[in-house]
């Protein structure tokens, strides 16, 4: 479920994900499953998480299920908004 989020957050998250495997950002749909569609493994996901944590100054716990582009966008959007308020 995607919450309301700013286009800039979505763009930044997609840019970070796309750099991990050098995938064109235009190929990364919100519903795209990173492991099934693009071959991301656990190390790739950890790299994305670390980069997102650094860029957005948030903490993403290990137990958060992050499988799709939308999962990452949703989590980052929700937690950056909480910090701002």
N, C-alpha and C. Protein backbone atom coordinates (compact mmCIF):
# COMPACT_ATOMS: atom_id res chain seq x y z
N UNK A 1 0.84 -1.18 0.00
CA UNK A 1 0.00 0.00 0.00
C UNK A 1 0.88 1.24 0.00
N UNK A 2 0.69 2.09 -0.99
CA UNK A 2 1.49 3.29 -1.11
C UNK A 2 0.75 4.44 -0.44
N UNK A 3 1.44 5.10 0.47
CA UNK A 3 0.85 6.26 1.13
C UNK A 3 1.15 7.48 0.28
N UNK A 4 0.55 8.60 0.65
CA UNK A 4 0.83 9.84 -0.05
C UNK A 4 2.30 10.19 0.17
N UNK A 5 3.00 10.43 -0.91
CA UNK A 5 4.40 10.79 -0.77
C UNK A 5 4.76 11.80 -1.83
N UNK A 6 5.84 12.49 -1.61
CA UNK A 6 6.24 13.52 -2.55
C UNK A 6 6.98 12.91 -3.72
N UNK A 7 6.79 13.49 -4.90
CA UNK A 7 7.51 12.97 -6.07
C UNK A 7 9.03 13.01 -5.90
N UNK A 8 9.54 13.98 -5.14
CA UNK A 8 10.99 14.06 -4.96
C UNK A 8 11.52 12.87 -4.16
N UNK A 9 10.76 12.42 -3.14
CA UNK A 9 11.17 11.24 -2.38
C UNK A 9 11.16 10.02 -3.30
N UNK A 10 10.13 9.88 -4.09
CA UNK A 10 10.04 8.75 -5.02
C UNK A 10 11.22 8.77 -5.98
N UNK A 11 11.53 9.93 -6.54
CA UNK A 11 12.65 10.03 -7.48
C UNK A 11 13.97 9.67 -6.82
N UNK A 12 14.18 10.15 -5.61
CA UNK A 12 15.43 9.85 -4.90
C UNK A 12 15.56 8.35 -4.60
N UNK A 13 14.47 7.74 -4.14
CA UNK A 13 14.50 6.31 -3.84
C UNK A 13 14.76 5.51 -5.11
N UNK A 14 14.06 5.84 -6.18
CA UNK A 14 14.26 5.12 -7.45
C UNK A 14 15.69 5.31 -7.95
N UNK A 15 16.24 6.49 -7.79
CA UNK A 15 17.62 6.75 -8.23
C UNK A 15 18.60 5.87 -7.45
N UNK A 16 18.41 5.77 -6.15
CA UNK A 16 19.29 4.94 -5.31
C UNK A 16 19.17 3.47 -5.70
N UNK A 17 17.94 3.00 -5.88
CA UNK A 17 17.73 1.60 -6.28
C UNK A 17 18.35 1.34 -7.65
N UNK A 18 18.14 2.25 -8.58
CA UNK A 18 18.64 2.04 -9.95
C UNK A 18 20.16 2.00 -10.00
N UNK A 19 20.83 2.78 -9.15
CA UNK A 19 22.29 2.79 -9.14
C UNK A 19 22.87 1.48 -8.62
N UNK A 20 22.13 0.78 -7.78
CA UNK A 20 22.64 -0.47 -7.19
C UNK A 20 22.95 -1.51 -8.26
N UNK A 21 22.10 -1.63 -9.25
CA UNK A 21 22.31 -2.63 -10.31
C UNK A 21 22.41 -1.99 -11.70
N UNK A 22 22.60 -0.66 -11.72
CA UNK A 22 22.69 0.06 -12.99
C UNK A 22 21.50 -0.24 -13.90
N UNK A 23 20.31 -0.05 -13.33
CA UNK A 23 19.05 -0.23 -14.06
C UNK A 23 18.50 1.15 -14.36
N UNK A 24 17.98 1.34 -15.56
CA UNK A 24 17.38 2.63 -15.89
C UNK A 24 16.20 2.89 -14.96
N UNK A 25 16.15 4.08 -14.35
CA UNK A 25 15.04 4.40 -13.44
C UNK A 25 13.67 4.19 -14.08
N UNK A 26 13.54 4.39 -15.37
CA UNK A 26 12.25 4.24 -16.06
C UNK A 26 11.75 2.78 -16.03
N UNK A 27 12.65 1.83 -15.81
CA UNK A 27 12.25 0.41 -15.74
C UNK A 27 11.71 0.01 -14.36
N UNK A 28 11.96 0.85 -13.36
CA UNK A 28 11.59 0.51 -11.98
C UNK A 28 10.17 0.99 -11.67
N UNK A 29 9.22 0.14 -11.90
CA UNK A 29 7.82 0.44 -11.55
C UNK A 29 7.63 0.23 -10.05
N UNK A 30 6.62 0.89 -9.52
CA UNK A 30 6.31 0.78 -8.09
C UNK A 30 6.07 -0.68 -7.69
N UNK A 31 5.45 -1.45 -8.57
CA UNK A 31 5.12 -2.84 -8.25
C UNK A 31 6.25 -3.82 -8.58
N UNK A 32 7.35 -3.32 -9.11
CA UNK A 32 8.45 -4.21 -9.53
C UNK A 32 9.07 -4.92 -8.33
N UNK A 33 9.08 -6.25 -8.38
CA UNK A 33 9.73 -7.06 -7.34
C UNK A 33 11.22 -7.11 -7.67
N UNK A 34 12.02 -6.55 -6.78
CA UNK A 34 13.45 -6.39 -7.08
C UNK A 34 14.19 -7.71 -7.26
N UNK A 35 13.88 -8.71 -6.45
CA UNK A 35 14.61 -9.98 -6.58
C UNK A 35 14.12 -10.78 -7.78
N UNK A 36 12.81 -10.84 -7.99
CA UNK A 36 12.27 -11.66 -9.08
C UNK A 36 12.49 -11.04 -10.45
N UNK A 37 12.29 -9.72 -10.55
CA UNK A 37 12.36 -9.08 -11.86
C UNK A 37 13.75 -8.59 -12.24
N UNK A 38 14.57 -8.27 -11.23
CA UNK A 38 15.87 -7.67 -11.54
C UNK A 38 17.06 -8.42 -10.93
N UNK A 39 16.80 -9.51 -10.21
CA UNK A 39 17.88 -10.33 -9.68
C UNK A 39 18.61 -9.74 -8.48
N UNK A 40 17.95 -8.84 -7.74
CA UNK A 40 18.58 -8.28 -6.54
C UNK A 40 18.70 -9.38 -5.49
N UNK A 41 19.84 -9.42 -4.80
CA UNK A 41 20.01 -10.37 -3.71
C UNK A 41 20.03 -9.61 -2.38
N UNK A 42 20.25 -10.33 -1.31
CA UNK A 42 20.23 -9.73 0.03
C UNK A 42 21.26 -8.61 0.17
N UNK A 43 22.43 -8.81 -0.39
CA UNK A 43 23.48 -7.79 -0.32
C UNK A 43 23.04 -6.51 -1.03
N UNK A 44 22.40 -6.67 -2.19
CA UNK A 44 21.90 -5.50 -2.92
C UNK A 44 20.87 -4.73 -2.09
N UNK A 45 19.96 -5.46 -1.45
CA UNK A 45 18.93 -4.84 -0.64
C UNK A 45 19.56 -4.12 0.56
N UNK A 46 20.54 -4.75 1.18
CA UNK A 46 21.24 -4.11 2.31
C UNK A 46 21.93 -2.83 1.83
N UNK A 47 22.55 -2.87 0.66
CA UNK A 47 23.19 -1.67 0.11
C UNK A 47 22.18 -0.54 -0.08
N UNK A 48 21.01 -0.89 -0.60
CA UNK A 48 19.94 0.10 -0.80
C UNK A 48 19.52 0.68 0.55
N UNK A 49 19.30 -0.20 1.52
CA UNK A 49 18.88 0.24 2.86
C UNK A 49 19.90 1.19 3.46
N UNK A 50 21.18 0.84 3.39
CA UNK A 50 22.22 1.70 3.96
C UNK A 50 22.25 3.07 3.28
N UNK A 51 22.11 3.07 1.98
CA UNK A 51 22.11 4.33 1.23
C UNK A 51 20.89 5.18 1.57
N UNK A 52 19.73 4.54 1.69
CA UNK A 52 18.51 5.27 2.06
C UNK A 52 18.62 5.84 3.48
N UNK A 53 19.16 5.04 4.39
CA UNK A 53 19.34 5.51 5.77
C UNK A 53 20.25 6.73 5.81
N UNK A 54 21.32 6.68 5.04
CA UNK A 54 22.27 7.78 5.01
C UNK A 54 21.65 9.04 4.39
N UNK A 55 20.97 8.87 3.26
CA UNK A 55 20.41 10.01 2.54
C UNK A 55 19.23 10.66 3.24
N UNK A 56 18.39 9.84 3.85
CA UNK A 56 17.16 10.36 4.47
C UNK A 56 17.27 10.48 5.99
N UNK A 57 18.42 10.06 6.54
CA UNK A 57 18.63 10.12 7.99
C UNK A 57 17.52 9.42 8.77
N UNK A 58 17.24 8.19 8.34
CA UNK A 58 16.24 7.34 8.99
C UNK A 58 16.89 6.01 9.33
N UNK A 59 16.20 5.19 10.11
CA UNK A 59 16.66 3.84 10.43
C UNK A 59 15.61 2.87 9.90
N UNK A 60 16.08 1.89 9.14
CA UNK A 60 15.18 0.88 8.59
C UNK A 60 15.51 -0.44 9.28
N UNK A 61 14.62 -0.92 10.17
CA UNK A 61 14.89 -2.17 10.88
C UNK A 61 14.96 -3.38 9.93
N UNK A 62 15.71 -4.39 10.35
CA UNK A 62 15.87 -5.60 9.53
C UNK A 62 14.56 -6.30 9.22
N UNK A 63 13.61 -6.23 10.15
CA UNK A 63 12.38 -7.00 9.97
C UNK A 63 11.36 -6.36 9.03
N UNK A 64 11.65 -5.17 8.50
CA UNK A 64 10.72 -4.51 7.57
C UNK A 64 10.78 -5.24 6.23
N UNK A 65 9.63 -5.73 5.74
CA UNK A 65 9.62 -6.44 4.45
C UNK A 65 9.73 -5.45 3.29
N UNK A 66 10.85 -5.47 2.60
CA UNK A 66 11.08 -4.57 1.48
C UNK A 66 11.41 -5.40 0.25
N UNK A 67 10.39 -5.61 -0.59
CA UNK A 67 10.56 -6.45 -1.77
C UNK A 67 10.38 -5.70 -3.07
N UNK A 68 9.54 -4.68 -3.05
CA UNK A 68 9.25 -3.95 -4.29
C UNK A 68 9.76 -2.51 -4.17
N UNK A 69 9.81 -1.84 -5.30
CA UNK A 69 10.17 -0.43 -5.31
C UNK A 69 9.19 0.33 -4.43
N UNK A 70 7.91 0.00 -4.54
CA UNK A 70 6.88 0.66 -3.74
C UNK A 70 7.08 0.47 -2.24
N UNK A 71 7.55 -0.69 -1.83
CA UNK A 71 7.83 -0.92 -0.40
C UNK A 71 8.86 0.08 0.11
N UNK A 72 9.91 0.28 -0.66
CA UNK A 72 10.96 1.22 -0.26
C UNK A 72 10.42 2.65 -0.23
N UNK A 73 9.71 3.03 -1.29
CA UNK A 73 9.16 4.40 -1.38
C UNK A 73 8.19 4.64 -0.23
N UNK A 74 7.33 3.69 0.03
CA UNK A 74 6.33 3.82 1.09
C UNK A 74 7.00 3.99 2.45
N UNK A 75 7.98 3.14 2.75
CA UNK A 75 8.65 3.20 4.05
C UNK A 75 9.38 4.53 4.22
N UNK A 76 10.15 4.92 3.22
CA UNK A 76 10.91 6.17 3.32
C UNK A 76 9.97 7.36 3.43
N UNK A 77 8.92 7.39 2.62
CA UNK A 77 7.96 8.51 2.67
C UNK A 77 7.32 8.63 4.03
N UNK A 78 6.87 7.53 4.57
CA UNK A 78 6.20 7.52 5.87
C UNK A 78 7.14 7.99 6.97
N UNK A 79 8.38 7.51 6.95
CA UNK A 79 9.29 7.81 8.06
C UNK A 79 9.97 9.15 7.93
N UNK A 80 10.12 9.68 6.72
CA UNK A 80 10.67 11.02 6.61
C UNK A 80 9.61 12.05 7.00
N UNK A 81 8.34 11.75 6.73
CA UNK A 81 7.25 12.66 7.14
C UNK A 81 7.12 12.70 8.66
N UNK A 82 7.27 11.54 9.29
CA UNK A 82 7.19 11.49 10.76
C UNK A 82 8.27 12.32 11.41
N UNK A 83 9.46 12.28 10.84
CA UNK A 83 10.56 13.05 11.40
C UNK A 83 10.33 14.55 11.21
N UNK A 84 9.71 14.92 10.10
CA UNK A 84 9.48 16.33 9.81
C UNK A 84 8.43 16.94 10.72
N UNK A 85 7.51 16.11 11.21
CA UNK A 85 6.43 16.66 12.06
C UNK A 85 6.78 16.64 13.52
